[in-house]
Amino acid sequence: MKLTQLVPEGAVVARLASNRRDLVIAELLDGVLSTGAADVSLKPELLTRVLERESRGSTGFGKGIAVPHVKHKQVKRMTAGIGLHPDGIDFNSLDKQPVYTVFLLLSPEDRPEEHLQAMEAIFKNLSNEAFRRLLRQAGSADEVAAVLEQVCEGDDATKAAEALMKLVSGGFEEE
């Protein structure tokens, strides 16, 4: 499973407005629901479930990333959204550091195997430092889409991310 298959157009928030975890999740949920992944009327229930999951243990896994996720019987298709925050968010991360990149995954309840494949694809890419850096530096949804396209075209996420960095180095500011 590739990230480009999971993250549809409209599910990227390149500049999250809020700096509070719960509001960031709600904002990202709006983006994901706008793509038709589930009916918009489910937002309160989905938000409650994601926040309940967070209360059991943070999905802020360290290195500036968080991957909140929820399974629901009325989610139509596996869909992820990406939210970026330039200043970082307190996500109660395992490493106690701010989160700059949030992947929100909605999964159909009856497809646990696909849920695991999606989580694996997300974590495989997020474990790559160059990929994380490129996402943090992206200033628009189009730049995020370019990062995803480039990384998903290559079998080696590190080489693809490095190639993309060289390709667009004039478009991103240095960290």
Protein backbone atom coordinates (compact mmCIF):
# COMPACT_ATOMS: atom_id res chain seq x y z
CA MET A 1 0.00 0.00 0.00
CA LYS A 2 1.35 3.42 -0.97
CA LEU A 3 0.78 6.75 0.72
CA THR A 4 -0.53 8.20 -2.52
CA GLN A 5 -3.33 5.62 -2.35
CA LEU A 6 -4.19 6.64 1.21
CA VAL A 7 -4.03 10.43 1.05
CA PRO A 8 -6.56 11.88 -1.40
CA GLU A 9 -6.55 15.44 -2.66
CA GLY A 10 -8.19 17.65 -0.05
CA ALA A 11 -6.96 15.61 2.92
CA VAL A 12 -3.82 17.68 3.46
CA VAL A 13 -3.76 20.68 5.79
CA ALA A 14 -0.38 22.27 5.12
CA ARG A 15 -0.75 24.85 7.89
CA LEU A 16 -2.84 23.63 10.81
CA ALA A 17 -4.58 26.58 12.46
CA SER A 18 -4.74 25.28 16.02
CA ASN A 19 -1.92 24.46 18.38
CA ARG A 20 -4.05 22.21 20.63
CA ARG A 21 -4.08 18.47 20.02
CA ASP A 22 -7.86 17.95 20.10
CA LEU A 23 -8.53 20.90 17.79
CA VAL A 24 -5.80 19.77 15.40
CA ILE A 25 -7.39 16.32 15.19
CA ALA A 26 -10.80 17.93 14.54
CA GLU A 27 -9.32 20.16 11.83
CA LEU A 28 -7.64 17.23 10.14
CA LEU A 29 -10.81 15.15 10.46
CA ASP A 30 -12.67 17.91 8.55
CA GLY A 31 -10.18 17.56 5.70
CA VAL A 32 -10.44 13.78 5.58
CA LEU A 33 -14.25 13.82 5.71
CA SER A 34 -14.37 16.40 2.90
CA THR A 35 -12.92 13.71 0.62
CA GLY A 36 -15.91 11.41 1.16
CA ALA A 37 -14.12 8.85 3.35
CA ALA A 38 -17.18 8.84 5.62
CA ASP A 39 -20.32 10.88 6.03
CA VAL A 40 -19.69 14.31 7.56
CA SER A 41 -22.44 13.59 10.11
CA LEU A 42 -20.09 11.04 11.70
CA LYS A 43 -17.58 13.72 12.71
CA PRO A 44 -18.62 13.95 16.39
CA GLU A 45 -18.49 10.17 16.83
CA LEU A 46 -15.21 9.77 14.96
CA LEU A 47 -13.64 12.62 16.91
CA THR A 48 -14.78 11.09 20.19
CA ARG A 49 -13.29 7.72 19.22
CA VAL A 50 -9.96 9.22 18.17
CA LEU A 51 -9.74 11.21 21.41
CA GLU A 52 -10.67 8.12 23.45
CA ARG A 53 -7.82 6.29 21.72
CA GLU A 54 -5.48 9.17 22.60
CA SER A 55 -6.56 8.99 26.24
CA ARG A 56 -5.50 5.31 26.38
CA GLY A 57 -2.06 6.17 25.02
CA SER A 58 -0.67 8.93 22.89
CA THR A 59 -0.16 8.32 19.19
CA GLY A 60 2.63 10.88 19.33
CA PHE A 61 5.39 8.37 18.65
CA GLY A 62 8.36 10.73 18.74
CA LYS A 63 10.57 12.43 16.17
CA GLY A 64 7.89 15.09 15.62
CA ILE A 65 5.16 12.75 14.38
CA ALA A 66 1.76 11.54 15.53
CA VAL A 67 -0.54 9.01 13.88
CA PRO A 68 -4.00 9.14 15.45
CA HIS A 69 -6.26 6.50 13.93
CA VAL A 70 -9.73 5.05 14.24
CA LYS A 71 -11.73 2.17 12.78
CA HIS A 72 -15.46 2.60 12.22
CA LYS A 73 -18.08 0.48 10.47
CA GLN A 74 -19.34 3.43 8.43
CA VAL A 75 -15.96 4.53 7.07
CA LYS A 76 -16.26 3.89 3.34
CA ARG A 77 -12.59 3.56 2.44
CA MET A 78 -9.16 3.61 4.03
CA THR A 79 -8.17 7.28 4.06
CA ALA A 80 -5.39 9.27 5.65
CA GLY A 81 -5.00 12.98 6.09
CA ILE A 82 -1.80 14.88 6.74
CA GLY A 83 -1.54 17.99 8.87
CA LEU A 84 1.56 20.12 9.36
CA HIS A 85 2.24 22.62 12.13
CA PRO A 86 5.32 24.86 11.83
CA ASP A 87 5.68 25.45 15.58
CA GLY A 88 4.73 22.01 16.81
CA ILE A 89 1.89 20.75 18.98
CA ASP A 90 1.95 19.21 22.43
CA PHE A 91 0.71 15.69 21.67
CA ASN A 92 1.97 14.10 24.88
CA SER A 93 4.49 12.29 22.68
CA LEU A 94 6.61 9.45 23.95
CA ASP A 95 9.76 11.56 23.57
CA LYS A 96 8.04 14.62 25.13
CA GLN A 97 8.88 16.67 22.01
CA PRO A 98 6.43 18.71 19.90
CA VAL A 99 4.66 17.13 16.94
CA TYR A 100 5.03 18.83 13.56
CA THR A 101 3.46 16.21 11.30
CA VAL A 102 0.14 14.47 12.00
CA PHE A 103 -1.21 11.58 9.94
CA LEU A 104 -4.88 10.83 10.72
CA LEU A 105 -6.03 7.42 9.48
CA LEU A 106 -9.69 6.41 9.13
CA SER A 107 -10.28 2.72 8.42
CA PRO A 108 -13.32 0.56 7.75
CA GLU A 109 -13.89 -1.58 10.83
CA ASP A 110 -14.28 -4.78 8.81
CA ARG A 111 -10.85 -4.48 7.11
CA PRO A 112 -8.26 -4.89 9.90
CA GLU A 113 -5.63 -6.32 7.52
CA GLU A 114 -5.77 -3.20 5.35
CA HIS A 115 -5.62 -1.03 8.46
CA LEU A 116 -2.36 -2.73 9.45
CA GLN A 117 -0.99 -2.37 5.91
CA ALA A 118 -1.84 1.34 5.94
CA MET A 119 -0.18 1.83 9.32
CA GLU A 120 2.89 -0.04 8.05
CA ALA A 121 3.09 2.20 4.96
CA ILE A 122 2.78 5.33 7.08
CA PHE A 123 5.42 4.24 9.61
CA LYS A 124 7.79 2.93 6.95
CA ASN A 125 7.92 6.37 5.39
CA LEU A 126 7.86 8.33 8.63
CA SER A 127 10.86 6.37 9.90
CA ASN A 128 12.86 8.07 7.14
CA GLU A 129 14.44 11.31 8.39
CA ALA A 130 14.63 12.89 4.92
CA PHE A 131 10.92 12.20 4.35
CA ARG A 132 9.98 13.75 7.71
CA ARG A 133 12.12 16.79 6.97
CA LEU A 134 10.57 17.27 3.53
CA LEU A 135 7.07 17.10 4.98
CA ARG A 136 7.96 19.65 7.66
CA GLN A 137 9.35 22.01 5.04
CA ALA A 138 6.39 21.68 2.66
CA GLY A 139 4.48 24.94 2.52
CA SER A 140 1.40 23.82 0.61
CA ALA A 141 -0.79 20.82 -0.09
CA ASP A 142 0.78 20.65 -3.56
CA GLU A 143 4.27 20.39 -2.07
CA VAL A 144 3.08 17.62 0.27
CA ALA A 145 1.57 15.81 -2.74
CA ALA A 146 4.91 16.16 -4.59
CA VAL A 147 6.75 14.64 -1.62
CA LEU A 148 4.30 11.72 -1.51
CA GLU A 149 4.51 11.15 -5.27
CA GLN A 150 8.29 11.16 -5.32
CA VAL A 151 8.64 8.84 -2.33
CA CYS A 152 5.97 6.44 -3.59
CA GLU A 153 7.58 6.22 -7.04
CA GLY A 154 10.78 4.81 -5.58
CA ASP A 155 11.21 1.50 -3.83
CA ASP A 156 13.77 3.07 -1.51
CA ALA A 157 12.18 5.87 0.52
CA THR A 158 15.59 7.30 1.48
CA LYS A 159 16.83 7.58 -2.10
CA ALA A 160 13.50 8.96 -3.30
CA ALA A 161 13.37 11.55 -0.50
CA GLU A 162 16.96 12.60 -1.16
CA ALA A 163 16.25 12.92 -4.88
CA LEU A 164 13.22 15.05 -4.15
CA MET A 165 15.23 17.26 -1.80
CA LYS A 166 17.73 17.93 -4.60
CA LEU A 167 14.93 18.50 -7.08
CA VAL A 168 13.03 21.04 -5.00
CA SER A 169 15.78 22.46 -2.79
CA GLY A 170 15.09 25.93 -4.17
CA GLY A 171 11.44 25.66 -3.15
CA PHE A 172 11.95 24.70 0.48
CA GLU A 173 13.72 26.64 3.16
CA GLU A 174 16.59 24.96 4.94
CA GLU A 175 16.00 23.73 8.48
